[in-house]
N, C-alpha and C. Protein backbone atom coordinates (compact mmCIF):
# COMPACT_ATOMS: atom_id res chain seq x y z
N MET A 1 12.25 -216.60 -108.47
CA MET A 1 12.54 -215.74 -109.60
C MET A 1 13.99 -215.31 -109.53
N ALA A 2 14.64 -215.30 -110.66
CA ALA A 2 16.03 -214.84 -110.73
C ALA A 2 16.09 -213.56 -111.56
N PHE A 3 16.72 -212.56 -111.00
CA PHE A 3 16.93 -211.30 -111.70
C PHE A 3 18.19 -211.44 -112.54
N LEU A 4 18.07 -211.25 -113.85
CA LEU A 4 19.21 -211.43 -114.74
C LEU A 4 19.90 -210.12 -115.10
N SER A 5 19.12 -209.12 -115.49
CA SER A 5 19.71 -207.83 -115.84
C SER A 5 18.62 -206.76 -115.89
N SER A 6 19.07 -205.52 -115.95
CA SER A 6 18.14 -204.40 -116.06
C SER A 6 18.79 -203.30 -116.89
N ARG A 7 17.98 -202.67 -117.72
CA ARG A 7 18.46 -201.55 -118.55
C ARG A 7 17.50 -200.38 -118.38
N ARG A 8 18.03 -199.22 -118.01
CA ARG A 8 17.21 -198.02 -117.83
C ARG A 8 16.83 -197.48 -119.21
N ILE A 9 15.52 -197.35 -119.45
CA ILE A 9 14.99 -196.85 -120.71
C ILE A 9 14.71 -195.34 -120.61
N TYR A 10 14.24 -194.92 -119.43
CA TYR A 10 13.85 -193.53 -119.24
C TYR A 10 14.03 -193.15 -117.78
N SER A 11 14.51 -191.93 -117.55
CA SER A 11 14.59 -191.37 -116.20
C SER A 11 13.83 -190.06 -116.19
N GLY A 12 12.91 -189.93 -115.24
CA GLY A 12 12.11 -188.71 -115.14
C GLY A 12 12.07 -188.19 -113.73
N ARG A 13 11.30 -187.12 -113.53
CA ARG A 13 11.17 -186.49 -112.22
C ARG A 13 10.39 -187.38 -111.26
N VAL A 14 9.37 -188.10 -111.77
CA VAL A 14 8.49 -188.88 -110.91
C VAL A 14 8.76 -190.38 -111.02
N ILE A 15 9.08 -190.84 -112.22
CA ILE A 15 9.29 -192.28 -112.43
C ILE A 15 10.53 -192.54 -113.26
N ASN A 16 10.98 -193.78 -113.21
CA ASN A 16 11.99 -194.31 -114.11
C ASN A 16 11.40 -195.55 -114.76
N LEU A 17 11.81 -195.83 -115.98
CA LEU A 17 11.35 -197.02 -116.69
C LEU A 17 12.55 -197.91 -116.98
N ASP A 18 12.48 -199.14 -116.50
CA ASP A 18 13.54 -200.12 -116.72
C ASP A 18 13.01 -201.29 -117.54
N LEU A 19 13.89 -201.92 -118.28
CA LEU A 19 13.57 -203.18 -118.95
C LEU A 19 14.36 -204.26 -118.22
N ASP A 20 13.65 -205.09 -117.47
CA ASP A 20 14.28 -206.14 -116.67
C ASP A 20 14.20 -207.47 -117.39
N GLU A 21 15.30 -208.19 -117.37
CA GLU A 21 15.35 -209.57 -117.86
C GLU A 21 15.35 -210.45 -116.63
N VAL A 22 14.35 -211.36 -116.56
CA VAL A 22 14.20 -212.19 -115.37
C VAL A 22 13.94 -213.64 -115.77
N GLU A 23 14.23 -214.53 -114.81
CA GLU A 23 13.81 -215.91 -114.93
C GLU A 23 12.71 -216.11 -113.89
N LEU A 24 11.54 -216.48 -114.36
CA LEU A 24 10.37 -216.63 -113.49
C LEU A 24 10.45 -217.91 -112.66
N PRO A 25 9.65 -218.04 -111.62
CA PRO A 25 9.70 -219.24 -110.78
C PRO A 25 9.50 -220.55 -111.54
N ASN A 26 8.82 -220.52 -112.70
CA ASN A 26 8.62 -221.75 -113.48
C ASN A 26 9.75 -222.01 -114.47
N GLY A 27 10.80 -221.17 -114.44
CA GLY A 27 11.95 -221.36 -115.31
C GLY A 27 11.89 -220.57 -116.61
N ALA A 28 10.75 -220.04 -116.95
CA ALA A 28 10.62 -219.23 -118.17
C ALA A 28 11.36 -217.91 -118.00
N ARG A 29 11.90 -217.42 -119.11
CA ARG A 29 12.56 -216.12 -119.11
C ARG A 29 11.61 -215.09 -119.69
N ALA A 30 11.71 -213.87 -119.17
CA ALA A 30 10.82 -212.81 -119.64
C ALA A 30 11.53 -211.47 -119.60
N SER A 31 11.13 -210.59 -120.52
CA SER A 31 11.53 -209.18 -120.52
C SER A 31 10.34 -208.39 -119.99
N LEU A 32 10.54 -207.70 -118.88
CA LEU A 32 9.45 -206.99 -118.23
C LEU A 32 9.75 -205.49 -118.15
N GLU A 33 8.82 -204.69 -118.61
CA GLU A 33 8.93 -203.24 -118.45
C GLU A 33 8.48 -202.91 -117.03
N MET A 34 9.35 -202.25 -116.28
CA MET A 34 9.05 -201.94 -114.88
C MET A 34 9.19 -200.44 -114.63
N ILE A 35 8.12 -199.86 -114.12
CA ILE A 35 8.18 -198.47 -113.69
C ILE A 35 8.68 -198.46 -112.25
N ARG A 36 9.77 -197.75 -112.03
CA ARG A 36 10.36 -197.62 -110.70
C ARG A 36 9.88 -196.29 -110.10
N HIS A 37 9.45 -196.37 -108.86
CA HIS A 37 8.88 -195.20 -108.19
C HIS A 37 9.39 -195.17 -106.76
N SER A 38 9.64 -193.99 -106.23
CA SER A 38 10.21 -193.87 -104.88
C SER A 38 9.23 -194.21 -103.77
N GLY A 39 7.96 -194.35 -104.11
CA GLY A 39 6.94 -194.64 -103.11
C GLY A 39 6.23 -193.37 -102.70
N ALA A 40 5.16 -193.55 -101.94
CA ALA A 40 4.33 -192.41 -101.54
C ALA A 40 3.69 -192.69 -100.20
N ALA A 41 3.06 -191.67 -99.65
CA ALA A 41 2.30 -191.79 -98.42
C ALA A 41 0.98 -191.05 -98.61
N ALA A 42 -0.06 -191.56 -97.96
CA ALA A 42 -1.38 -190.95 -98.03
C ALA A 42 -2.01 -191.02 -96.64
N VAL A 43 -2.89 -190.05 -96.35
CA VAL A 43 -3.44 -189.97 -95.00
C VAL A 43 -4.92 -189.60 -95.05
N VAL A 44 -5.72 -190.29 -94.21
CA VAL A 44 -7.13 -189.95 -94.00
C VAL A 44 -7.17 -189.05 -92.77
N PRO A 45 -7.38 -187.74 -92.96
CA PRO A 45 -7.38 -186.82 -91.83
C PRO A 45 -8.78 -186.63 -91.23
N PHE A 46 -8.93 -187.01 -89.98
CA PHE A 46 -10.20 -186.88 -89.26
C PHE A 46 -10.19 -185.57 -88.47
N LEU A 47 -11.18 -184.71 -88.71
CA LEU A 47 -11.35 -183.49 -87.92
C LEU A 47 -11.99 -183.79 -86.56
N ASP A 48 -12.77 -184.87 -86.50
CA ASP A 48 -13.42 -185.32 -85.27
C ASP A 48 -12.84 -186.69 -84.92
N PRO A 49 -13.03 -187.15 -83.68
CA PRO A 49 -12.56 -188.52 -83.38
C PRO A 49 -13.18 -189.51 -84.37
N PRO A 50 -12.39 -190.42 -84.89
CA PRO A 50 -12.88 -191.36 -85.91
C PRO A 50 -14.06 -192.21 -85.43
N THR A 51 -14.17 -192.44 -84.13
CA THR A 51 -15.26 -193.27 -83.62
C THR A 51 -16.53 -192.45 -83.35
N ALA A 52 -16.51 -191.14 -83.61
CA ALA A 52 -17.72 -190.31 -83.47
C ALA A 52 -18.78 -190.84 -84.43
N PRO A 53 -20.06 -190.61 -84.15
CA PRO A 53 -21.13 -191.15 -85.01
C PRO A 53 -21.01 -190.77 -86.48
N ASP A 54 -20.63 -189.54 -86.79
CA ASP A 54 -20.53 -189.10 -88.18
C ASP A 54 -19.39 -188.08 -88.30
N PRO A 55 -18.14 -188.56 -88.14
CA PRO A 55 -17.01 -187.64 -88.09
C PRO A 55 -16.78 -186.93 -89.43
N ARG A 56 -16.13 -185.78 -89.33
CA ARG A 56 -15.72 -185.05 -90.53
C ARG A 56 -14.31 -185.47 -90.91
N VAL A 57 -14.10 -185.61 -92.22
CA VAL A 57 -12.77 -185.90 -92.76
C VAL A 57 -12.44 -184.84 -93.81
N VAL A 58 -11.15 -184.67 -94.03
CA VAL A 58 -10.69 -183.70 -95.01
C VAL A 58 -10.15 -184.47 -96.22
N LEU A 59 -10.85 -184.35 -97.33
CA LEU A 59 -10.35 -184.86 -98.60
C LEU A 59 -9.89 -183.67 -99.42
N ILE A 60 -9.31 -183.96 -100.56
CA ILE A 60 -9.00 -182.91 -101.51
C ILE A 60 -9.70 -183.25 -102.83
N ARG A 61 -10.06 -182.24 -103.55
CA ARG A 61 -10.59 -182.38 -104.91
C ARG A 61 -9.49 -181.86 -105.81
N GLN A 62 -8.89 -182.77 -106.59
CA GLN A 62 -7.69 -182.43 -107.34
C GLN A 62 -7.85 -182.79 -108.81
N TYR A 63 -7.41 -181.88 -109.69
CA TYR A 63 -7.43 -182.18 -111.12
C TYR A 63 -6.30 -183.15 -111.42
N ARG A 64 -6.64 -184.23 -112.12
CA ARG A 64 -5.66 -185.24 -112.54
C ARG A 64 -5.66 -185.35 -114.06
N HIS A 65 -4.55 -184.98 -114.66
CA HIS A 65 -4.43 -185.00 -116.11
C HIS A 65 -4.70 -186.39 -116.69
N ALA A 66 -4.14 -187.43 -116.06
CA ALA A 66 -4.30 -188.80 -116.60
C ALA A 66 -5.77 -189.21 -116.66
N ALA A 67 -6.58 -188.73 -115.72
CA ALA A 67 -8.02 -189.05 -115.70
C ALA A 67 -8.84 -188.00 -116.43
N ASN A 68 -8.22 -186.87 -116.76
CA ASN A 68 -8.88 -185.75 -117.43
C ASN A 68 -10.10 -185.26 -116.65
N THR A 69 -9.98 -185.24 -115.33
CA THR A 69 -11.09 -184.78 -114.49
C THR A 69 -10.56 -184.47 -113.09
N TYR A 70 -11.43 -183.91 -112.27
CA TYR A 70 -11.14 -183.73 -110.85
C TYR A 70 -11.53 -185.00 -110.11
N LEU A 71 -10.69 -185.41 -109.17
CA LEU A 71 -10.95 -186.58 -108.35
C LEU A 71 -10.93 -186.19 -106.87
N TYR A 72 -11.79 -186.84 -106.09
CA TYR A 72 -11.71 -186.72 -104.64
C TYR A 72 -10.68 -187.72 -104.16
N GLU A 73 -9.74 -187.23 -103.34
CA GLU A 73 -8.64 -188.07 -102.88
C GLU A 73 -8.30 -187.73 -101.43
N VAL A 74 -7.60 -188.65 -100.78
CA VAL A 74 -6.98 -188.32 -99.51
C VAL A 74 -5.68 -187.57 -99.84
N PRO A 75 -5.22 -186.69 -98.96
CA PRO A 75 -3.95 -186.02 -99.20
C PRO A 75 -2.83 -187.07 -99.32
N ALA A 76 -1.99 -186.90 -100.32
CA ALA A 76 -0.94 -187.89 -100.58
C ALA A 76 0.16 -187.26 -101.42
N GLY A 77 1.29 -187.93 -101.41
CA GLY A 77 2.39 -187.47 -102.25
C GLY A 77 3.56 -188.42 -102.21
N ARG A 78 4.49 -188.13 -103.08
CA ARG A 78 5.68 -188.95 -103.29
C ARG A 78 6.71 -188.72 -102.18
N LEU A 79 7.36 -189.80 -101.77
CA LEU A 79 8.44 -189.71 -100.80
C LEU A 79 9.63 -189.01 -101.46
N ASP A 80 10.17 -188.01 -100.77
CA ASP A 80 11.40 -187.38 -101.22
C ASP A 80 12.56 -188.28 -100.80
N GLY A 81 13.68 -188.18 -101.49
CA GLY A 81 14.83 -189.05 -101.24
C GLY A 81 15.15 -189.24 -99.77
N GLY A 82 15.03 -190.47 -99.29
CA GLY A 82 15.36 -190.80 -97.91
C GLY A 82 14.31 -190.41 -96.88
N GLU A 83 13.20 -189.82 -97.32
CA GLU A 83 12.16 -189.38 -96.40
C GLU A 83 11.36 -190.57 -95.88
N SER A 84 11.03 -190.56 -94.60
CA SER A 84 10.22 -191.64 -94.04
C SER A 84 8.77 -191.48 -94.50
N PRO A 85 8.02 -192.58 -94.59
CA PRO A 85 6.61 -192.48 -94.95
C PRO A 85 5.82 -191.57 -94.01
N GLU A 86 6.09 -191.62 -92.69
CA GLU A 86 5.37 -190.77 -91.75
C GLU A 86 5.66 -189.30 -92.02
N ARG A 87 6.91 -188.96 -92.23
CA ARG A 87 7.28 -187.57 -92.52
C ARG A 87 6.59 -187.11 -93.80
N CYS A 88 6.57 -187.96 -94.81
CA CYS A 88 5.91 -187.61 -96.07
C CYS A 88 4.42 -187.37 -95.87
N ALA A 89 3.77 -188.24 -95.10
CA ALA A 89 2.33 -188.08 -94.85
C ALA A 89 2.05 -186.77 -94.14
N ARG A 90 2.86 -186.43 -93.16
CA ARG A 90 2.69 -185.17 -92.43
C ARG A 90 2.91 -183.97 -93.36
N ARG A 91 3.95 -184.06 -94.18
CA ARG A 91 4.27 -182.96 -95.11
C ARG A 91 3.16 -182.77 -96.13
N GLU A 92 2.68 -183.86 -96.72
CA GLU A 92 1.63 -183.74 -97.74
C GLU A 92 0.32 -183.25 -97.15
N LEU A 93 -0.01 -183.70 -95.93
CA LEU A 93 -1.22 -183.21 -95.26
C LEU A 93 -1.15 -181.69 -95.12
N GLN A 94 -0.03 -181.19 -94.66
CA GLN A 94 0.13 -179.74 -94.47
C GLN A 94 0.13 -179.02 -95.81
N GLU A 95 0.90 -179.51 -96.78
CA GLU A 95 1.01 -178.81 -98.06
C GLU A 95 -0.33 -178.76 -98.79
N GLU A 96 -1.09 -179.83 -98.77
CA GLU A 96 -2.31 -179.91 -99.57
C GLU A 96 -3.54 -179.36 -98.86
N THR A 97 -3.59 -179.44 -97.52
CA THR A 97 -4.79 -179.00 -96.80
C THR A 97 -4.52 -177.85 -95.83
N GLY A 98 -3.28 -177.66 -95.43
CA GLY A 98 -2.95 -176.67 -94.41
C GLY A 98 -2.98 -177.23 -93.00
N TYR A 99 -3.48 -178.44 -92.82
CA TYR A 99 -3.61 -179.02 -91.48
C TYR A 99 -2.34 -179.75 -91.06
N ALA A 100 -2.07 -179.70 -89.75
CA ALA A 100 -1.04 -180.52 -89.12
C ALA A 100 -1.77 -181.47 -88.17
N ALA A 101 -1.21 -182.65 -87.95
CA ALA A 101 -1.86 -183.67 -87.12
C ALA A 101 -1.08 -183.93 -85.85
N ASP A 102 -1.80 -184.02 -84.72
CA ASP A 102 -1.17 -184.43 -83.46
C ASP A 102 -0.84 -185.92 -83.48
N GLN A 103 -1.73 -186.71 -84.09
CA GLN A 103 -1.55 -188.16 -84.10
C GLN A 103 -1.66 -188.68 -85.53
N LEU A 104 -0.68 -189.47 -85.92
CA LEU A 104 -0.65 -190.11 -87.24
C LEU A 104 -0.41 -191.60 -87.00
N VAL A 105 -1.34 -192.42 -87.48
CA VAL A 105 -1.28 -193.86 -87.20
C VAL A 105 -1.22 -194.63 -88.52
N PRO A 106 -0.26 -195.56 -88.65
CA PRO A 106 -0.18 -196.35 -89.89
C PRO A 106 -1.37 -197.30 -90.04
N LEU A 107 -1.83 -197.45 -91.28
CA LEU A 107 -2.88 -198.42 -91.60
C LEU A 107 -2.28 -199.64 -92.28
N LEU A 108 -1.66 -199.44 -93.44
CA LEU A 108 -1.16 -200.55 -94.26
C LEU A 108 -0.29 -199.97 -95.36
N THR A 109 0.59 -200.76 -95.90
CA THR A 109 1.35 -200.38 -97.09
C THR A 109 0.85 -201.25 -98.24
N ILE A 110 0.50 -200.59 -99.35
CA ILE A 110 -0.06 -201.31 -100.49
C ILE A 110 0.80 -201.11 -101.74
N TYR A 111 0.76 -202.08 -102.63
CA TYR A 111 1.32 -201.93 -103.97
C TYR A 111 0.23 -201.35 -104.85
N THR A 112 0.55 -200.30 -105.62
CA THR A 112 -0.48 -199.66 -106.43
C THR A 112 -0.87 -200.53 -107.62
N THR A 113 0.09 -200.99 -108.38
CA THR A 113 -0.16 -201.79 -109.59
C THR A 113 1.04 -202.71 -109.79
N PRO A 114 1.13 -203.82 -109.06
CA PRO A 114 2.34 -204.64 -109.08
C PRO A 114 2.62 -205.36 -110.40
N GLY A 115 1.71 -205.25 -111.36
CA GLY A 115 1.97 -205.84 -112.67
C GLY A 115 3.04 -205.10 -113.46
N PHE A 116 3.27 -203.81 -113.13
CA PHE A 116 4.26 -203.06 -113.90
C PHE A 116 5.01 -201.98 -113.12
N THR A 117 4.74 -201.87 -111.82
CA THR A 117 5.48 -200.88 -111.04
C THR A 117 5.77 -201.40 -109.63
N ASP A 118 6.87 -200.91 -109.07
CA ASP A 118 7.23 -201.27 -107.70
C ASP A 118 6.71 -200.24 -106.70
N GLU A 119 5.88 -199.30 -107.15
CA GLU A 119 5.38 -198.25 -106.25
C GLU A 119 4.58 -198.84 -105.10
N GLN A 120 4.90 -198.35 -103.92
CA GLN A 120 4.14 -198.67 -102.71
C GLN A 120 3.61 -197.37 -102.13
N ILE A 121 2.39 -197.42 -101.58
CA ILE A 121 1.84 -196.27 -100.87
C ILE A 121 1.60 -196.68 -99.43
N HIS A 122 2.14 -195.90 -98.53
CA HIS A 122 2.00 -196.11 -97.09
C HIS A 122 0.78 -195.31 -96.64
N LEU A 123 -0.24 -196.02 -96.14
CA LEU A 123 -1.50 -195.40 -95.75
C LEU A 123 -1.54 -195.14 -94.25
N PHE A 124 -2.06 -193.97 -93.87
CA PHE A 124 -2.17 -193.54 -92.48
C PHE A 124 -3.55 -192.94 -92.23
N TRP A 125 -3.90 -192.81 -90.97
CA TRP A 125 -5.03 -191.97 -90.58
C TRP A 125 -4.51 -191.00 -89.54
N ALA A 126 -5.16 -189.84 -89.46
CA ALA A 126 -4.69 -188.80 -88.55
C ALA A 126 -5.86 -188.19 -87.80
N GLN A 127 -5.55 -187.70 -86.60
CA GLN A 127 -6.54 -186.94 -85.83
C GLN A 127 -5.80 -185.88 -85.03
N GLY A 128 -6.58 -185.02 -84.35
CA GLY A 128 -5.98 -183.90 -83.63
C GLY A 128 -5.44 -182.89 -84.61
N LEU A 129 -6.25 -182.52 -85.59
CA LEU A 129 -5.80 -181.61 -86.64
C LEU A 129 -5.79 -180.17 -86.16
N ARG A 130 -4.75 -179.45 -86.56
CA ARG A 130 -4.62 -178.02 -86.29
C ARG A 130 -4.54 -177.29 -87.63
N ALA A 131 -5.40 -176.29 -87.81
CA ALA A 131 -5.45 -175.57 -89.08
C ALA A 131 -4.21 -174.70 -89.27
N GLY A 132 -3.81 -174.59 -90.51
CA GLY A 132 -2.68 -173.75 -90.90
C GLY A 132 -2.88 -173.31 -92.34
N SER A 133 -1.78 -173.05 -93.01
CA SER A 133 -1.84 -172.61 -94.41
C SER A 133 -1.25 -173.68 -95.31
N PRO A 134 -1.93 -173.97 -96.42
CA PRO A 134 -1.38 -174.93 -97.38
C PRO A 134 -0.17 -174.34 -98.09
N ALA A 135 0.62 -175.20 -98.70
CA ALA A 135 1.79 -174.79 -99.48
C ALA A 135 1.84 -175.63 -100.74
N ARG A 136 0.85 -175.45 -101.59
CA ARG A 136 0.73 -176.28 -102.80
C ARG A 136 1.76 -175.91 -103.85
N GLU A 137 2.09 -176.91 -104.67
CA GLU A 137 2.99 -176.69 -105.79
C GLU A 137 2.21 -176.04 -106.93
N PRO A 138 2.89 -175.30 -107.81
CA PRO A 138 2.19 -174.58 -108.88
C PRO A 138 1.34 -175.47 -109.80
N ASP A 139 1.72 -176.72 -109.97
CA ASP A 139 0.95 -177.60 -110.86
C ASP A 139 -0.15 -178.38 -110.14
N GLU A 140 -0.38 -178.08 -108.86
CA GLU A 140 -1.43 -178.76 -108.11
C GLU A 140 -2.70 -177.91 -108.08
N LEU A 141 -3.74 -178.40 -108.73
CA LEU A 141 -5.05 -177.75 -108.70
C LEU A 141 -5.88 -178.48 -107.66
N ILE A 142 -5.88 -177.96 -106.43
CA ILE A 142 -6.46 -178.65 -105.28
C ILE A 142 -7.43 -177.74 -104.55
N GLU A 143 -8.57 -178.32 -104.17
CA GLU A 143 -9.53 -177.66 -103.28
C GLU A 143 -9.78 -178.60 -102.12
N PRO A 144 -9.62 -178.15 -100.87
CA PRO A 144 -9.98 -179.01 -99.74
C PRO A 144 -11.49 -179.26 -99.73
N ALA A 145 -11.87 -180.44 -99.28
CA ALA A 145 -13.29 -180.81 -99.20
C ALA A 145 -13.52 -181.49 -97.85
N VAL A 146 -14.19 -180.79 -96.94
CA VAL A 146 -14.52 -181.36 -95.64
C VAL A 146 -15.86 -182.07 -95.78
N LEU A 147 -15.86 -183.38 -95.51
CA LEU A 147 -17.07 -184.21 -95.67
C LEU A 147 -17.35 -184.97 -94.39
N ARG A 148 -18.62 -185.10 -94.07
CA ARG A 148 -19.03 -186.02 -93.02
C ARG A 148 -18.82 -187.44 -93.56
N TRP A 149 -18.60 -188.38 -92.64
CA TRP A 149 -18.38 -189.78 -93.02
C TRP A 149 -19.56 -190.29 -93.86
N SER A 150 -20.78 -189.94 -93.47
CA SER A 150 -21.97 -190.40 -94.21
C SER A 150 -21.99 -189.81 -95.62
N ALA A 151 -21.60 -188.54 -95.78
CA ALA A 151 -21.56 -187.92 -97.11
C ALA A 151 -20.48 -188.54 -97.98
N LEU A 152 -19.37 -188.88 -97.34
CA LEU A 152 -18.27 -189.54 -98.06
C LEU A 152 -18.77 -190.88 -98.63
N TRP A 153 -19.51 -191.63 -97.82
CA TRP A 153 -20.02 -192.92 -98.28
C TRP A 153 -21.07 -192.76 -99.38
N ARG A 154 -21.86 -191.69 -99.32
CA ARG A 154 -22.81 -191.44 -100.42
C ARG A 154 -22.06 -191.16 -101.72
N ARG A 155 -21.02 -190.35 -101.65
CA ARG A 155 -20.20 -190.07 -102.84
C ARG A 155 -19.55 -191.36 -103.36
N LEU A 156 -19.09 -192.17 -102.43
CA LEU A 156 -18.50 -193.45 -102.80
C LEU A 156 -19.52 -194.32 -103.53
N GLY A 157 -20.73 -194.39 -103.01
CA GLY A 157 -21.79 -195.18 -103.62
C GLY A 157 -22.20 -194.70 -105.00
N ARG A 158 -22.04 -193.40 -105.24
CA ARG A 158 -22.37 -192.85 -106.56
C ARG A 158 -21.18 -192.91 -107.51
N GLY A 159 -20.07 -193.47 -107.07
CA GLY A 159 -18.89 -193.56 -107.93
C GLY A 159 -18.12 -192.26 -108.04
N GLU A 160 -18.37 -191.32 -107.16
CA GLU A 160 -17.69 -190.03 -107.21
C GLU A 160 -16.30 -190.07 -106.57
N ILE A 161 -16.03 -191.12 -105.83
CA ILE A 161 -14.69 -191.33 -105.29
C ILE A 161 -14.16 -192.59 -105.96
N ALA A 162 -13.21 -192.40 -106.87
CA ALA A 162 -12.74 -193.51 -107.71
C ALA A 162 -11.24 -193.73 -107.64
N ASP A 163 -10.56 -192.98 -106.79
CA ASP A 163 -9.12 -193.12 -106.64
C ASP A 163 -8.81 -194.32 -105.75
N ALA A 164 -7.97 -195.23 -106.22
CA ALA A 164 -7.73 -196.50 -105.53
C ALA A 164 -7.13 -196.33 -104.13
N LYS A 165 -6.15 -195.46 -103.98
CA LYS A 165 -5.55 -195.29 -102.64
C LYS A 165 -6.56 -194.72 -101.67
N THR A 166 -7.42 -193.84 -102.16
CA THR A 166 -8.45 -193.24 -101.32
C THR A 166 -9.48 -194.27 -100.91
N LEU A 167 -9.94 -195.06 -101.87
CA LEU A 167 -10.90 -196.12 -101.56
C LEU A 167 -10.32 -197.10 -100.55
N THR A 168 -9.10 -197.52 -100.76
CA THR A 168 -8.46 -198.47 -99.85
C THR A 168 -8.34 -197.88 -98.45
N ALA A 169 -7.87 -196.64 -98.35
CA ALA A 169 -7.69 -196.01 -97.04
C ALA A 169 -9.02 -195.83 -96.31
N ILE A 170 -10.07 -195.43 -97.04
CA ILE A 170 -11.39 -195.26 -96.44
C ILE A 170 -11.92 -196.60 -95.93
N LEU A 171 -11.81 -197.64 -96.74
CA LEU A 171 -12.28 -198.96 -96.33
C LEU A 171 -11.52 -199.47 -95.12
N LEU A 172 -10.22 -199.26 -95.08
CA LEU A 172 -9.43 -199.68 -93.92
C LEU A 172 -9.84 -198.92 -92.67
N CYS A 173 -10.05 -197.62 -92.82
CA CYS A 173 -10.51 -196.83 -91.66
C CYS A 173 -11.86 -197.30 -91.18
N ASP A 174 -12.75 -197.60 -92.09
CA ASP A 174 -14.08 -198.04 -91.69
C ASP A 174 -14.02 -199.40 -90.99
N ALA A 175 -13.17 -200.28 -91.50
CA ALA A 175 -13.09 -201.64 -90.94
C ALA A 175 -12.33 -201.69 -89.63
N PHE A 176 -11.28 -200.90 -89.48
CA PHE A 176 -10.39 -201.08 -88.34
C PHE A 176 -10.30 -199.88 -87.40
N VAL A 177 -10.47 -198.68 -87.88
CA VAL A 177 -10.31 -197.50 -87.03
C VAL A 177 -11.63 -197.08 -86.42
N ARG A 178 -12.67 -196.99 -87.22
CA ARG A 178 -13.96 -196.52 -86.70
C ARG A 178 -14.64 -197.55 -85.82
N LYS A 179 -14.29 -198.80 -85.95
CA LYS A 179 -14.94 -199.86 -85.17
C LYS A 179 -14.32 -200.08 -83.81
N ARG A 180 -13.15 -199.52 -83.55
CA ARG A 180 -12.49 -199.78 -82.27
C ARG A 180 -12.56 -198.56 -81.37
N PRO A 181 -12.61 -198.75 -80.09
CA PRO A 181 -12.61 -197.61 -79.17
C PRO A 181 -11.25 -196.93 -79.18
N GLN A 182 -11.27 -195.64 -78.91
CA GLN A 182 -10.01 -194.86 -78.87
C GLN A 182 -9.22 -195.17 -77.62
């Protein structure tokens, strides 16, 4: 693919919108609307060792305007300029839940919707949580939700957990973190 040009259509607090002119690998030219995003980090916080029979995890129940409902999610947020994904994950965990983590382990970096955005979310899991005070932003309607792993899976089965980053992080933890010895 050859990048030919880009024109900024919109600049906002969270995203920018560009119109990119590209030559695709097959030689065709295309005008593509691209949402540019600084990236984000998300963390699955375990209150108990992840390999425990039915560990507790801390999710948040957050109102999302785009979905017009409350969603169960892992704590997550946007990377601030130049911030590392690990620092962002630690900051968002504390701001949204009040917890700090002794151990933060990377899972995977995913593209959220590569058809129209370059946003990547860096996924982590955490343990050794220490309680503190949250520091939520005024526009964040968040309630912490401590769930046993089995209860989390029941909610998942009923479609009550529908956030893609949360689903991905939970599945990765189940496949790779909970199955291995500490």
